[in-house]
C-alpha atoms as a PDB file:
ATOM      1  CA  MET A   1       1.473   9.655 -29.988  1.00  0.00           C
ATOM      2  CA  SER A   2       3.835  10.110 -26.710  1.00  0.00           C
ATOM      3  CA  SER A   3       5.003   7.382 -24.271  1.00  0.00           C
ATOM      4  CA  ILE A   4       5.217   8.259 -20.237  1.00  0.00           C
ATOM      5  CA  ARG A   5       7.121   5.869 -17.737  1.00  0.00           C
ATOM      6  CA  LEU A   6       4.566   4.625 -14.713  1.00  0.00           C
ATOM      7  CA  ILE A   7       5.759   3.240 -11.500  1.00  0.00           C
ATOM      8  CA  THR A   8       4.120   1.441  -8.239  1.00  0.00           C
ATOM      9  CA  TYR A   9       6.341   0.558  -5.198  1.00  0.00           C
ATOM     10  CA  ASN A  10       5.619  -0.124  -1.926  1.00  0.00           C
ATOM     11  CA  ILE A  11       8.125   1.527   0.028  1.00  0.00           C
ATOM     12  CA  HIS A  12       7.639  -0.114   3.557  1.00  0.00           C
ATOM     13  CA  HIS A  13       7.726   3.448   5.403  1.00  0.00           C
ATOM     14  CA  GLY A  14      11.143   4.216   4.349  1.00  0.00           C
ATOM     15  CA  THR A  15      12.753   1.030   5.370  1.00  0.00           C
ATOM     16  CA  ASN A  16      13.980  -2.475   4.332  1.00  0.00           C
ATOM     17  CA  ALA A  17      13.196  -5.412   5.053  1.00  0.00           C
ATOM     18  CA  ASP A  18      14.988  -5.274   8.166  1.00  0.00           C
ATOM     19  CA  GLU A  19      13.647  -1.829   9.190  1.00  0.00           C
ATOM     20  CA  THR A  20      16.583  -0.160   8.538  1.00  0.00           C
ATOM     21  CA  PRO A  21      15.839   3.359   6.899  1.00  0.00           C
ATOM     22  CA  SER A  22      16.459   3.472   3.286  1.00  0.00           C
ATOM     23  CA  LEU A  23      14.392   6.781   2.034  1.00  0.00           C
ATOM     24  CA  HIS A  24      17.867   7.988   0.478  1.00  0.00           C
ATOM     25  CA  ASN A  25      18.328   4.461  -1.262  1.00  0.00           C
ATOM     26  CA  ILE A  26      14.729   4.660  -2.370  1.00  0.00           C
ATOM     27  CA  THR A  27      14.892   8.434  -3.397  1.00  0.00           C
ATOM     28  CA  ASP A  28      18.278   7.153  -6.006  1.00  0.00           C
ATOM     29  CA  LEU A  29      16.605   4.326  -7.241  1.00  0.00           C
ATOM     30  CA  LEU A  30      13.698   6.262  -8.221  1.00  0.00           C
ATOM     31  CA  SER A  31      15.576   9.006  -9.394  1.00  0.00           C
ATOM     32  CA  ASP A  32      17.698   6.563 -11.872  1.00  0.00           C
ATOM     33  CA  LEU A  33      14.395   5.165 -13.138  1.00  0.00           C
ATOM     34  CA  ASP A  34      13.435   8.555 -14.526  1.00  0.00           C
ATOM     35  CA  PRO A  35       9.726   8.067 -14.166  1.00  0.00           C
ATOM     36  CA  ASP A  36       6.927  10.351 -15.083  1.00  0.00           C
ATOM     37  CA  ILE A  37       4.528   9.179 -12.584  1.00  0.00           C
ATOM     38  CA  ILE A  38       5.288   7.172  -9.371  1.00  0.00           C
ATOM     39  CA  ALA A  39       2.446   5.584  -7.185  1.00  0.00           C
ATOM     40  CA  LEU A  40       3.590   4.602  -3.813  1.00  0.00           C
ATOM     41  CA  GLN A  41       2.223   2.638  -0.900  1.00  0.00           C
ATOM     42  CA  GLU A  42       2.799   2.239   2.666  1.00  0.00           C
ATOM     43  CA  VAL A  43       4.487   6.185   3.062  1.00  0.00           C
ATOM     44  CA  ASP A  44       4.446   7.926   6.468  1.00  0.00           C
ATOM     45  CA  LYS A  45       3.847  11.567   7.057  1.00  0.00           C
ATOM     46  CA  ASN A  46       4.924  12.750  10.819  1.00  0.00           C
ATOM     47  CA  LEU A  47       5.255   9.499  12.443  1.00  0.00           C
ATOM     48  CA  ALA A  48       8.031   8.926  14.763  1.00  0.00           C
ATOM     49  CA  ARG A  49       9.391   5.996  13.195  1.00  0.00           C
ATOM     50  CA  SER A  50      10.138   7.925  10.284  1.00  0.00           C
ATOM     51  CA  GLY A  51      11.646  10.800  12.263  1.00  0.00           C
ATOM     52  CA  ARG A  52       8.436  13.035  11.742  1.00  0.00           C
ATOM     53  CA  GLN A  53       9.170  13.267   7.946  1.00  0.00           C
ATOM     54  CA  HIS A  54       6.394  13.642   5.473  1.00  0.00           C
ATOM     55  CA  GLN A  55       8.092  11.004   3.276  1.00  0.00           C
ATOM     56  CA  ALA A  56       6.104  12.018  -0.044  1.00  0.00           C
ATOM     57  CA  SER A  57       6.940  15.716   0.170  1.00  0.00           C
ATOM     58  CA  VAL A  58      10.683  14.530   0.620  1.00  0.00           C
ATOM     59  CA  LEU A  59      10.948  12.164  -2.087  1.00  0.00           C
ATOM     60  CA  ALA A  60       8.983  14.539  -4.089  1.00  0.00           C
ATOM     61  CA  GLN A  61      11.267  17.691  -3.399  1.00  0.00           C
ATOM     62  CA  ARG A  62      14.392  15.324  -4.037  1.00  0.00           C
ATOM     63  CA  LEU A  63      13.188  14.137  -7.152  1.00  0.00           C
ATOM     64  CA  ASN A  64      11.425  17.364  -8.693  1.00  0.00           C
ATOM     65  CA  MET A  65       8.161  16.361  -9.007  1.00  0.00           C
ATOM     66  CA  ASN A  66       4.493  17.160  -8.087  1.00  0.00           C
ATOM     67  CA  PHE A  67       2.638  15.307  -5.544  1.00  0.00           C
ATOM     68  CA  VAL A  68      -0.260  14.629  -3.527  1.00  0.00           C
ATOM     69  CA  TYR A  69      -1.016  12.282  -0.246  1.00  0.00           C
ATOM     70  CA  ALA A  70      -3.540  10.474   1.038  1.00  0.00           C
ATOM     71  CA  GLY A  71      -3.591   8.898   4.543  1.00  0.00           C
ATOM     72  CA  ALA A  72      -5.271   6.200   5.174  1.00  0.00           C
ATOM     73  CA  LEU A  73      -4.777   5.211   9.165  1.00  0.00           C
ATOM     74  CA  GLN A  74      -4.037   8.085  11.497  1.00  0.00           C
ATOM     75  CA  TYR A  75      -2.144   7.399  14.974  1.00  0.00           C
ATOM     76  CA  SER A  76       0.361   8.965  16.991  1.00  0.00           C
ATOM     77  CA  ASN A  77      -0.269  12.284  15.529  1.00  0.00           C
ATOM     78  CA  GLY A  78       0.596  11.103  12.010  1.00  0.00           C
ATOM     79  CA  GLU A  79      -0.378   9.171   9.302  1.00  0.00           C
ATOM     80  CA  TYR A  80       0.243   6.171   6.641  1.00  0.00           C
ATOM     81  CA  GLY A  81      -1.128   6.231   3.093  1.00  0.00           C
ATOM     82  CA  ASN A  82      -0.596   6.581  -0.373  1.00  0.00           C
ATOM     83  CA  ALA A  83       1.388   9.192  -2.207  1.00  0.00           C
ATOM     84  CA  LEU A  84       1.421  10.282  -5.884  1.00  0.00           C
ATOM     85  CA  LEU A  85       4.047  11.916  -7.424  1.00  0.00           C
ATOM     86  CA  SER A  86       4.526  13.210 -11.137  1.00  0.00           C
ATOM     87  CA  ARG A  87       6.232  15.414 -13.384  1.00  0.00           C
ATOM     88  CA  LEU A  88       2.871  15.937 -15.401  1.00  0.00           C
ATOM     89  CA  PRO A  89       0.305  18.473 -13.740  1.00  0.00           C
ATOM     90  CA  ILE A  90      -2.097  16.929 -11.530  1.00  0.00           C
ATOM     91  CA  ILE A  91      -5.446  18.503 -12.443  1.00  0.00           C
ATOM     92  CA  SER A  92      -7.527  16.743  -9.728  1.00  0.00           C
ATOM     93  CA  TYR A  93      -7.411  14.114  -6.699  1.00  0.00           C
ATOM     94  CA  LYS A  94      -9.512  12.390  -4.589  1.00  0.00           C
ATOM     95  CA  LYS A  95      -9.303  10.073  -1.603  1.00  0.00           C
ATOM     96  CA  HIS A  96     -11.881   6.924  -1.086  1.00  0.00           C
ATOM     97  CA  LEU A  97     -11.053   5.259   2.055  1.00  0.00           C
ATOM     98  CA  LEU A  98     -11.305   1.319   2.145  1.00  0.00           C
ATOM     99  CA  PRO A  99     -12.313   0.532   5.635  1.00  0.00           C
ATOM    100  CA  ASP A 100     -11.073  -2.422   7.050  1.00  0.00           C
ATOM    101  CA  PRO A 101     -11.597  -3.537  10.999  1.00  0.00           C
ATOM    102  CA  ALA A 102      -7.555  -4.795  10.923  1.00  0.00           C
ATOM    103  CA  GLU A 103      -6.164  -1.586   9.047  1.00  0.00           C
ATOM    104  CA  ASN A 104      -8.083   1.105   7.006  1.00  0.00           C
ATOM    105  CA  ARG A 105      -6.537   1.186   3.253  1.00  0.00           C
ATOM    106  CA  CYS A 106      -7.123   3.942   0.623  1.00  0.00           C
ATOM    107  CA  LEU A 107      -7.625   4.406  -2.952  1.00  0.00           C
ATOM    108  CA  MET A 108      -6.201   7.294  -4.657  1.00  0.00           C
ATOM    109  CA  GLU A 109      -8.017   8.741  -7.720  1.00  0.00           C
ATOM    110  CA  ALA A 110      -6.188  11.541  -9.708  1.00  0.00           C
ATOM    111  CA  VAL A 111      -6.365  12.986 -13.105  1.00  0.00           C
ATOM    112  CA  VAL A 112      -3.273  13.863 -14.858  1.00  0.00           C
ATOM    113  CA  GLN A 113      -2.667  16.111 -17.912  1.00  0.00           C
ATOM    114  CA  GLY A 114      -0.937  13.663 -20.158  1.00  0.00           C
ATOM    115  CA  PRO A 115       1.075  14.824 -23.167  1.00  0.00           C
ATOM    116  CA  THR A 116      -2.079  14.913 -25.379  1.00  0.00           C
ATOM    117  CA  ARG A 117      -4.984  14.328 -23.165  1.00  0.00           C
ATOM    118  CA  PRO A 118      -5.969  13.962 -19.218  1.00  0.00           C
ATOM    119  CA  VAL A 119      -5.307  10.258 -17.933  1.00  0.00           C
ATOM    120  CA  GLY A 120      -7.267   8.363 -14.951  1.00  0.00           C
ATOM    121  CA  ILE A 121      -4.226   7.556 -12.199  1.00  0.00           C
ATOM    122  CA  PHE A 122      -5.729   5.031  -9.511  1.00  0.00           C
ATOM    123  CA  ASN A 123      -3.330   4.192  -6.743  1.00  0.00           C
ATOM    124  CA  VAL A 124      -4.370   1.770  -4.342  1.00  0.00           C
ATOM    125  CA  HIS A 125      -3.273  -0.550  -1.591  1.00  0.00           C
ATOM    126  CA  MET A 126      -5.125  -3.468  -0.644  1.00  0.00           C
ATOM    127  CA  SER A 127      -6.179  -5.466   2.331  1.00  0.00           C
ATOM    128  CA  LEU A 128      -4.598  -8.420   3.604  1.00  0.00           C
ATOM    129  CA  ASN A 129      -8.134 -10.261   3.830  1.00  0.00           C
ATOM    130  CA  ALA A 130      -9.632 -11.946   1.009  1.00  0.00           C
ATOM    131  CA  SER A 131     -13.188 -11.034   2.059  1.00  0.00           C
ATOM    132  CA  MET A 132     -12.461  -7.679   2.373  1.00  0.00           C
ATOM    133  CA  ARG A 133     -10.352  -6.927  -1.023  1.00  0.00           C
ATOM    134  CA  GLN A 134     -13.427  -8.332  -2.836  1.00  0.00           C
ATOM    135  CA  LYS A 135     -15.900  -5.880  -1.063  1.00  0.00           C
ATOM    136  CA  HIS A 136     -13.243  -3.051  -1.832  1.00  0.00           C
ATOM    137  CA  LEU A 137     -13.564  -3.966  -5.229  1.00  0.00           C
ATOM    138  CA  ASN A 138     -17.066  -4.392  -5.700  1.00  0.00           C
ATOM    139  CA  ASP A 139     -18.318  -1.226  -3.711  1.00  0.00           C
ATOM    140  CA  PHE A 140     -15.633   1.184  -4.339  1.00  0.00           C
ATOM    141  CA  ILE A 141     -12.740   0.273  -7.048  1.00  0.00           C
ATOM    142  CA  LEU A 142     -15.010  -0.772  -9.916  1.00  0.00           C
ATOM    143  CA  PRO A 143     -17.249   1.860  -9.580  1.00  0.00           C
ATOM    144  CA  ARG A 144     -14.797   4.589  -9.377  1.00  0.00           C
ATOM    145  CA  LEU A 145     -13.111   2.477 -12.348  1.00  0.00           C
ATOM    146  CA  GLU A 146     -16.280   2.901 -14.734  1.00  0.00           C
ATOM    147  CA  ALA A 147     -17.161   6.215 -13.601  1.00  0.00           C
ATOM    148  CA  CYS A 148     -13.752   7.849 -15.169  1.00  0.00           C
ATOM    149  CA  PRO A 149     -14.124   9.697 -18.328  1.00  0.00           C
ATOM    150  CA  TYR A 150     -10.442   9.260 -19.379  1.00  0.00           C
ATOM    151  CA  PRO A 151      -8.136   6.617 -20.368  1.00  0.00           C
ATOM    152  CA  LEU A 152      -6.990   4.747 -17.200  1.00  0.00           C
ATOM    153  CA  ILE A 153      -4.256   3.546 -15.175  1.00  0.00           C
ATOM    154  CA  LEU A 154      -4.628   1.276 -11.931  1.00  0.00           C
ATOM    155  CA  MET A 155      -1.434   0.384 -10.049  1.00  0.00           C
ATOM    156  CA  GLY A 156      -0.508  -0.909  -6.774  1.00  0.00           C
ATOM    157  CA  ASP A 157       0.065  -3.077  -3.723  1.00  0.00           C
ATOM    158  CA  PHE A 158      -3.132  -5.651  -4.246  1.00  0.00           C
ATOM    159  CA  ASN A 159      -1.764  -8.000  -1.745  1.00  0.00           C
ATOM    160  CA  SER A 160      -3.436 -10.806  -4.299  1.00  0.00           C
ATOM    161  CA  THR A 161      -2.051 -13.096  -6.941  1.00  0.00           C
ATOM    162  CA  ASN A 162      -2.995 -13.032 -10.194  1.00  0.00           C
ATOM    163  CA  ASP A 163      -5.156 -16.791  -9.690  1.00  0.00           C
ATOM    164  CA  GLN A 164      -7.441 -14.889  -7.475  1.00  0.00           C
ATOM    165  CA  LYS A 165     -10.936 -13.674  -8.284  1.00  0.00           C
ATOM    166  CA  ASP A 166     -10.024 -10.055  -7.992  1.00  0.00           C
ATOM    167  CA  ILE A 167      -7.481  -9.720 -10.133  1.00  0.00           C
ATOM    168  CA  ASN A 168      -9.526 -11.951 -12.486  1.00  0.00           C
ATOM    169  CA  LEU A 169     -12.067  -8.964 -12.441  1.00  0.00           C
ATOM    170  CA  LEU A 170      -9.630  -6.373 -13.063  1.00  0.00           C
ATOM    171  CA  THR A 171      -7.872  -8.233 -16.244  1.00  0.00           C
ATOM    172  CA  ALA A 172     -11.366  -8.746 -17.506  1.00  0.00           C
ATOM    173  CA  ARG A 173     -11.350  -4.805 -18.331  1.00  0.00           C
ATOM    174  CA  LEU A 174      -7.698  -4.019 -18.036  1.00  0.00           C
ATOM    175  CA  THR A 175      -4.398  -5.113 -19.309  1.00  0.00           C
ATOM    176  CA  ASP A 176      -2.163  -6.323 -17.263  1.00  0.00           C
ATOM    177  CA  THR A 177       1.023  -5.133 -18.287  1.00  0.00           C
ATOM    178  CA  PHE A 178       3.061  -7.706 -16.751  1.00  0.00           C
ATOM    179  CA  TYR A 179       2.612  -9.842 -19.944  1.00  0.00           C
ATOM    180  CA  PHE A 180       4.966  -7.499 -21.924  1.00  0.00           C
ATOM    181  CA  ASN A 181       7.867  -8.383 -18.982  1.00  0.00           C
ATOM    182  CA  GLN A 182      10.933  -8.128 -21.032  1.00  0.00           C
ATOM    183  CA  GLY A 183      13.330  -8.705 -17.617  1.00  0.00           C
ATOM    184  CA  VAL A 184      14.098 -11.917 -15.866  1.00  0.00           C
ATOM    185  CA  ILE A 185      12.135 -11.352 -12.226  1.00  0.00           C
ATOM    186  CA  THR A 186       8.242 -12.298 -12.379  1.00  0.00           C
ATOM    187  CA  ASN A 187       7.553 -11.806  -8.576  1.00  0.00           C
ATOM    188  CA  THR A 188       7.525  -8.579  -6.226  1.00  0.00           C
ATOM    189  CA  PHE A 189       7.528  -9.563  -3.164  1.00  0.00           C
ATOM    190  CA  SER A 190       9.555  -9.999  -0.737  1.00  0.00           C
ATOM    191  CA  SER A 191      12.507  -8.181  -2.131  1.00  0.00           C
ATOM    192  CA  SER A 192      15.011 -10.741  -0.645  1.00  0.00           C
ATOM    193  CA  GLN A 193      13.064 -14.100  -1.925  1.00  0.00           C
ATOM    194  CA  PRO A 194      10.512 -13.042  -4.570  1.00  0.00           C
ATOM    195  CA  VAL A 195       8.207 -15.507  -4.339  1.00  0.00           C
ATOM    196  CA  LYS A 196       4.627 -13.978  -5.553  1.00  0.00           C
ATOM    197  CA  ARG A 197       3.364 -10.964  -7.616  1.00  0.00           C
ATOM    198  CA  ILE A 198       1.226  -8.700  -5.558  1.00  0.00           C
ATOM    199  CA  ASP A 199       2.175  -5.392  -7.283  1.00  0.00           C
ATOM    200  CA  TYR A 200       0.225  -4.613 -10.601  1.00  0.00           C
ATOM    201  CA  ILE A 201       0.032  -1.838 -12.978  1.00  0.00           C
ATOM    202  CA  PHE A 202      -3.124  -2.359 -15.090  1.00  0.00           C
ATOM    203  CA  ALA A 203      -3.607   0.159 -18.345  1.00  0.00           C
ATOM    204  CA  ASP A 204      -6.697   0.979 -20.064  1.00  0.00           C
ATOM    205  CA  LYS A 205      -6.659  -1.425 -23.343  1.00  0.00           C
ATOM    206  CA  ARG A 206      -6.591   1.793 -25.344  1.00  0.00           C
ATOM    207  CA  PHE A 207      -3.053   2.453 -24.462  1.00  0.00           C
ATOM    208  CA  VAL A 208      -0.061   0.799 -25.935  1.00  0.00           C
ATOM    209  CA  VAL A 209       2.384  -1.046 -23.577  1.00  0.00           C
ATOM    210  CA  GLN A 210       5.816  -0.627 -24.528  1.00  0.00           C
ATOM    211  CA  ASN A 211       7.710  -2.365 -21.771  1.00  0.00           C
ATOM    212  CA  TYR A 212       7.686  -3.430 -18.500  1.00  0.00           C
ATOM    213  CA  PHE A 213      10.276  -4.614 -15.990  1.00  0.00           C
ATOM    214  CA  ILE A 214      10.547  -5.579 -12.039  1.00  0.00           C
ATOM    215  CA  VAL A 215      13.566  -3.972 -10.558  1.00  0.00           C
ATOM    216  CA  ASP A 216      15.602  -5.797  -8.016  1.00  0.00           C
ATOM    217  CA  SER A 217      16.315  -3.778  -5.129  1.00  0.00           C
ATOM    218  CA  GLN A 218      16.435  -4.220  -1.389  1.00  0.00           C
ATOM    219  CA  ALA A 219      15.259  -0.625  -0.582  1.00  0.00           C
ATOM    220  CA  SER A 220      11.894  -1.888   0.660  1.00  0.00           C
ATOM    221  CA  ASP A 221      10.331  -5.146   1.290  1.00  0.00           C
ATOM    222  CA  HIS A 222       8.812  -5.162  -1.948  1.00  0.00           C
ATOM    223  CA  LEU A 223      10.297  -4.997  -5.419  1.00  0.00           C
ATOM    224  CA  PRO A 224       8.977  -1.496  -7.692  1.00  0.00           C
ATOM    225  CA  VAL A 225       7.386  -2.239 -10.849  1.00  0.00           C
ATOM    226  CA  ALA A 226       8.341   0.252 -13.851  1.00  0.00           C
ATOM    227  CA  VAL A 227       5.840   0.168 -17.343  1.00  0.00           C
ATOM    228  CA  GLN A 228       6.390   2.338 -20.560  1.00  0.00           C
ATOM    229  CA  ILE A 229       3.036   3.171 -21.781  1.00  0.00           C
ATOM    230  CA  GLN A 230       2.118   5.155 -25.376  1.00  0.00           C
ATOM    231  CA  ILE A 231      -0.838   7.424 -24.470  1.00  0.00           C
END
């Protein structure tokens, strides 16, 4: 069987915690990690604060990867949302808007052609509000996971620690790959003082998790999470 490396990373619209532009640092970091699939959150498209760049397109070109983008919030003639980058062919993708009075979020649902079979890839950025997270999980995320006909990976910024009900609902169905951690870092936010784990990669229980690690980097306000999975 073949294995693939996946990364989830909230890139804070291409800036570090001090709002200093860092997209080049993010690119270098991702290149060094050599992933097959990358799930990104807080990605800008045509916004003034990030130089009107299509950040997903810039990263995909620099990393020589395929990409799809899903805007969750539209303002100032631009968008802010999630992106999926992949060395493997992206067969299809959908955007599911997660409505939120404070700030809309979204769930990306894609099918990627894995080395031996199609794989469902889900990329989510969840609300800061606990009740909204629970609603989005029950109304949108869990139904989409159940409907997926392929073995799947769910990853992203969940804005929730592992003792919360929404995470417990997910671990009843999927493997929290953190428990295969071989590194010394255990939290993902904030990058300067990691005090909580809110970024996750959940894997179908049919997959074998080979390796997991959190990367120490100041390129964003979150730390990236990487996992090697046998599929």
